[in-house]
N, C-alpha and C. Protein backbone atom coordinates (compact mmCIF):
# COMPACT_ATOMS: atom_id res chain seq x y z
N MET A 1 70.91 -42.39 -104.65
CA MET A 1 70.00 -43.39 -104.14
C MET A 1 70.53 -44.01 -102.83
N GLU A 2 71.06 -43.20 -101.98
CA GLU A 2 71.58 -43.70 -100.72
C GLU A 2 70.48 -44.24 -99.82
N ASP A 3 69.25 -43.76 -99.99
CA ASP A 3 68.15 -44.20 -99.14
C ASP A 3 67.41 -45.40 -99.73
N THR A 4 67.99 -46.04 -100.75
CA THR A 4 67.36 -47.19 -101.38
C THR A 4 68.17 -48.45 -101.12
N TYR A 5 67.49 -49.47 -100.65
CA TYR A 5 68.13 -50.76 -100.42
C TYR A 5 67.89 -51.63 -101.64
N ARG A 6 68.94 -52.07 -102.27
CA ARG A 6 68.82 -52.91 -103.45
C ARG A 6 68.81 -54.37 -102.98
N SER A 7 67.82 -55.13 -103.47
CA SER A 7 67.69 -56.51 -103.02
C SER A 7 67.24 -57.42 -104.14
N GLN A 8 67.27 -58.69 -103.87
CA GLN A 8 66.77 -59.69 -104.80
C GLN A 8 65.99 -60.71 -103.98
N PHE A 9 64.71 -60.86 -104.29
CA PHE A 9 63.86 -61.78 -103.55
C PHE A 9 63.38 -62.88 -104.47
N ARG A 10 63.09 -64.01 -103.89
CA ARG A 10 62.51 -65.12 -104.63
C ARG A 10 61.01 -65.15 -104.37
N LEU A 11 60.23 -65.29 -105.44
CA LEU A 11 58.78 -65.36 -105.35
C LEU A 11 58.31 -66.62 -106.06
N PRO A 12 57.23 -67.23 -105.58
CA PRO A 12 56.64 -68.32 -106.35
C PRO A 12 56.24 -67.78 -107.73
N GLN A 13 56.40 -68.60 -108.76
CA GLN A 13 56.14 -68.17 -110.13
C GLN A 13 54.72 -67.61 -110.31
N ASP A 14 53.71 -68.28 -109.74
CA ASP A 14 52.34 -67.80 -109.91
C ASP A 14 52.13 -66.44 -109.25
N LEU A 15 52.76 -66.21 -108.10
CA LEU A 15 52.66 -64.91 -107.44
C LEU A 15 53.35 -63.83 -108.27
N TYR A 16 54.51 -64.17 -108.82
CA TYR A 16 55.22 -63.23 -109.69
C TYR A 16 54.36 -62.83 -110.88
N LEU A 17 53.74 -63.82 -111.52
CA LEU A 17 52.91 -63.54 -112.70
C LEU A 17 51.72 -62.65 -112.35
N LYS A 18 51.10 -62.89 -111.20
CA LYS A 18 49.99 -62.04 -110.76
C LYS A 18 50.46 -60.62 -110.48
N LEU A 19 51.60 -60.51 -109.82
CA LEU A 19 52.16 -59.21 -109.50
C LEU A 19 52.54 -58.45 -110.76
N LYS A 20 53.14 -59.15 -111.71
CA LYS A 20 53.54 -58.54 -112.98
C LYS A 20 52.30 -58.07 -113.75
N ALA A 21 51.25 -58.89 -113.77
CA ALA A 21 50.00 -58.50 -114.45
C ALA A 21 49.39 -57.27 -113.78
N ALA A 22 49.41 -57.24 -112.45
CA ALA A 22 48.88 -56.07 -111.73
C ALA A 22 49.71 -54.83 -112.05
N ALA A 23 51.03 -54.97 -112.09
CA ALA A 23 51.90 -53.84 -112.42
C ALA A 23 51.59 -53.32 -113.82
N ASP A 24 51.45 -54.23 -114.76
CA ASP A 24 51.11 -53.83 -116.13
C ASP A 24 49.76 -53.13 -116.17
N GLY A 25 48.79 -53.70 -115.45
CA GLY A 25 47.45 -53.12 -115.41
C GLY A 25 47.43 -51.74 -114.78
N ASN A 26 48.32 -51.50 -113.85
CA ASN A 26 48.40 -50.20 -113.18
C ASN A 26 49.41 -49.27 -113.85
N ARG A 27 49.99 -49.72 -114.97
CA ARG A 27 50.95 -48.96 -115.75
C ARG A 27 52.13 -48.47 -114.91
N ARG A 28 52.70 -49.44 -114.15
CA ARG A 28 53.90 -49.12 -113.38
C ARG A 28 54.83 -50.32 -113.38
N SER A 29 56.05 -50.09 -112.95
CA SER A 29 57.05 -51.15 -112.93
C SER A 29 56.72 -52.16 -111.84
N LEU A 30 57.33 -53.31 -111.92
CA LEU A 30 57.15 -54.34 -110.89
C LEU A 30 57.61 -53.80 -109.54
N ASN A 31 58.72 -53.08 -109.54
CA ASN A 31 59.22 -52.49 -108.31
C ASN A 31 58.23 -51.49 -107.72
N ALA A 32 57.67 -50.63 -108.56
CA ALA A 32 56.69 -49.65 -108.09
C ALA A 32 55.43 -50.34 -107.57
N GLU A 33 55.04 -51.44 -108.21
CA GLU A 33 53.87 -52.20 -107.75
C GLU A 33 54.13 -52.79 -106.37
N LEU A 34 55.30 -53.35 -106.18
CA LEU A 34 55.67 -53.91 -104.87
C LEU A 34 55.63 -52.83 -103.79
N ILE A 35 56.20 -51.68 -104.08
CA ILE A 35 56.22 -50.57 -103.11
C ILE A 35 54.80 -50.11 -102.80
N ALA A 36 53.98 -49.95 -103.84
CA ALA A 36 52.60 -49.50 -103.64
C ALA A 36 51.81 -50.48 -102.78
N ARG A 37 52.10 -51.76 -102.91
CA ARG A 37 51.37 -52.76 -102.14
C ARG A 37 51.92 -52.93 -100.72
N LEU A 38 53.21 -52.70 -100.54
CA LEU A 38 53.81 -52.89 -99.21
C LEU A 38 53.67 -51.67 -98.31
N GLU A 39 53.79 -50.47 -98.85
CA GLU A 39 53.75 -49.27 -98.02
C GLU A 39 52.52 -49.18 -97.12
N PRO A 40 51.32 -49.50 -97.60
CA PRO A 40 50.14 -49.39 -96.72
C PRO A 40 50.17 -50.35 -95.54
N THR A 41 50.99 -51.38 -95.61
CA THR A 41 51.04 -52.32 -94.49
C THR A 41 51.91 -51.81 -93.34
N PHE A 42 52.58 -50.68 -93.56
CA PHE A 42 53.41 -50.07 -92.52
C PHE A 42 53.02 -48.61 -92.34
N PRO A 43 51.77 -48.35 -91.97
CA PRO A 43 51.34 -46.95 -91.86
C PRO A 43 52.01 -46.24 -90.69
N GLU A 44 52.77 -45.22 -91.00
CA GLU A 44 53.44 -44.44 -89.96
C GLU A 44 52.44 -43.72 -89.09
N SER A 45 51.24 -43.49 -89.63
CA SER A 45 50.24 -42.75 -88.86
C SER A 45 49.73 -43.55 -87.67
N LEU A 46 50.03 -44.84 -87.60
CA LEU A 46 49.58 -45.65 -86.47
C LEU A 46 50.66 -45.84 -85.41
N GLN A 47 51.75 -45.09 -85.52
CA GLN A 47 52.80 -45.17 -84.51
C GLN A 47 52.28 -44.56 -83.20
N PRO A 48 52.66 -45.11 -82.05
CA PRO A 48 52.19 -44.57 -80.77
C PRO A 48 52.59 -43.10 -80.61
N ASN A 49 51.72 -42.37 -79.93
CA ASN A 49 51.96 -40.96 -79.59
C ASN A 49 52.16 -40.08 -80.82
N SER A 50 51.47 -40.36 -81.92
CA SER A 50 51.65 -39.51 -83.10
C SER A 50 50.38 -38.73 -83.42
N GLY A 51 49.68 -38.26 -82.38
CA GLY A 51 48.51 -37.42 -82.61
C GLY A 51 47.21 -38.10 -82.22
N ASP A 52 46.13 -37.50 -82.67
CA ASP A 52 44.78 -37.96 -82.37
C ASP A 52 44.56 -39.38 -82.90
N PRO A 53 44.17 -40.34 -82.06
CA PRO A 53 43.98 -41.72 -82.51
C PRO A 53 42.93 -41.86 -83.61
N VAL A 54 41.84 -41.10 -83.52
CA VAL A 54 40.81 -41.18 -84.55
C VAL A 54 41.38 -40.70 -85.89
N GLN A 55 42.12 -39.63 -85.86
CA GLN A 55 42.73 -39.10 -87.09
C GLN A 55 43.72 -40.11 -87.67
N ARG A 56 44.49 -40.77 -86.81
CA ARG A 56 45.46 -41.78 -87.29
C ARG A 56 44.74 -42.92 -87.98
N VAL A 57 43.63 -43.39 -87.40
CA VAL A 57 42.87 -44.47 -88.02
C VAL A 57 42.26 -44.00 -89.34
N CYS A 58 41.72 -42.79 -89.36
CA CYS A 58 41.15 -42.24 -90.60
C CYS A 58 42.20 -42.18 -91.71
N GLU A 59 43.38 -41.71 -91.37
CA GLU A 59 44.45 -41.62 -92.36
C GLU A 59 44.86 -43.01 -92.85
N SER A 60 44.92 -43.94 -91.95
CA SER A 60 45.27 -45.30 -92.35
C SER A 60 44.22 -45.90 -93.26
N LEU A 61 42.95 -45.72 -92.93
CA LEU A 61 41.87 -46.25 -93.76
C LEU A 61 41.83 -45.57 -95.13
N ALA A 62 42.15 -44.29 -95.17
CA ALA A 62 42.14 -43.57 -96.44
C ALA A 62 43.20 -44.11 -97.39
N ASN A 63 44.25 -44.69 -96.84
CA ASN A 63 45.33 -45.24 -97.67
C ASN A 63 45.23 -46.74 -97.88
N THR A 64 44.12 -47.32 -97.46
CA THR A 64 43.95 -48.77 -97.57
C THR A 64 42.94 -49.10 -98.65
N LYS A 65 43.29 -50.07 -99.47
CA LYS A 65 42.37 -50.54 -100.52
C LYS A 65 41.56 -51.70 -99.97
N LEU A 66 40.35 -51.82 -100.45
CA LEU A 66 39.48 -52.93 -100.04
C LEU A 66 40.16 -54.27 -100.30
N ALA A 67 40.88 -54.35 -101.40
CA ALA A 67 41.57 -55.60 -101.76
C ALA A 67 42.69 -55.95 -100.78
N ASP A 68 43.15 -54.97 -100.00
CA ASP A 68 44.16 -55.26 -98.98
C ASP A 68 43.54 -55.87 -97.73
N LEU A 69 42.22 -55.73 -97.60
CA LEU A 69 41.53 -56.20 -96.40
C LEU A 69 40.71 -57.46 -96.62
N MET A 70 40.29 -57.68 -97.86
CA MET A 70 39.35 -58.77 -98.14
C MET A 70 39.81 -59.58 -99.34
N THR A 71 39.32 -60.81 -99.40
CA THR A 71 39.59 -61.65 -100.56
C THR A 71 38.66 -61.24 -101.70
N PRO A 72 39.00 -61.60 -102.95
CA PRO A 72 38.10 -61.30 -104.06
C PRO A 72 36.69 -61.88 -103.86
N ASP A 73 36.58 -63.07 -103.28
CA ASP A 73 35.26 -63.66 -103.03
C ASP A 73 34.46 -62.83 -102.03
N GLU A 74 35.12 -62.32 -101.00
CA GLU A 74 34.43 -61.48 -100.02
C GLU A 74 33.96 -60.18 -100.66
N ILE A 75 34.77 -59.62 -101.53
CA ILE A 75 34.39 -58.39 -102.22
C ILE A 75 33.19 -58.64 -103.12
N GLN A 76 33.19 -59.77 -103.83
CA GLN A 76 32.05 -60.11 -104.69
C GLN A 76 30.77 -60.29 -103.88
N THR A 77 30.87 -60.92 -102.73
CA THR A 77 29.70 -61.12 -101.87
C THR A 77 29.13 -59.77 -101.43
N ILE A 78 29.99 -58.87 -101.02
CA ILE A 78 29.53 -57.54 -100.61
C ILE A 78 28.92 -56.80 -101.79
N ALA A 79 29.54 -56.90 -102.96
CA ALA A 79 29.00 -56.22 -104.15
C ALA A 79 27.60 -56.75 -104.48
N ARG A 80 27.41 -58.07 -104.41
CA ARG A 80 26.09 -58.65 -104.67
C ARG A 80 25.07 -58.15 -103.66
N ARG A 81 25.45 -58.12 -102.39
CA ARG A 81 24.53 -57.65 -101.35
C ARG A 81 24.17 -56.18 -101.53
N MET A 82 25.14 -55.38 -101.94
CA MET A 82 24.87 -53.96 -102.16
C MET A 82 23.89 -53.79 -103.34
N LEU A 83 24.11 -54.54 -104.40
CA LEU A 83 23.21 -54.46 -105.54
C LEU A 83 21.79 -54.92 -105.16
N GLU A 84 21.70 -55.99 -104.38
CA GLU A 84 20.39 -56.47 -103.93
C GLU A 84 19.69 -55.41 -103.08
N ALA A 85 20.43 -54.75 -102.22
CA ALA A 85 19.85 -53.71 -101.36
C ALA A 85 19.33 -52.55 -102.19
N VAL A 86 20.05 -52.16 -103.21
CA VAL A 86 19.64 -51.05 -104.06
C VAL A 86 18.41 -51.45 -104.87
N GLN A 87 18.36 -52.68 -105.35
CA GLN A 87 17.26 -53.14 -106.18
C GLN A 87 15.96 -53.31 -105.37
N THR A 88 16.07 -53.58 -104.09
CA THR A 88 14.87 -53.78 -103.27
C THR A 88 14.26 -52.46 -102.78
N LYS A 89 14.97 -51.37 -102.92
CA LYS A 89 14.46 -50.07 -102.47
C LYS A 89 13.50 -49.49 -103.45
């Protein structure tokens, strides 16, 4: 494990509990949950001079979850609007 940095971070208790619940819900360790949530915030595909810009953005978006971009309230608003649009057709 030479390529692994071992650390200890302090988190607010409520954030820890949410993170732990998410890890349990995703059936992975707290460490794996942290990695899964942090990795998309550092997309290597957006480094300068690393190929076609459109392709880099597509790759970045493909690895991004809606929850990483929006609050739960914003997601609910969009979900309601989508349902309304489908129901009016």
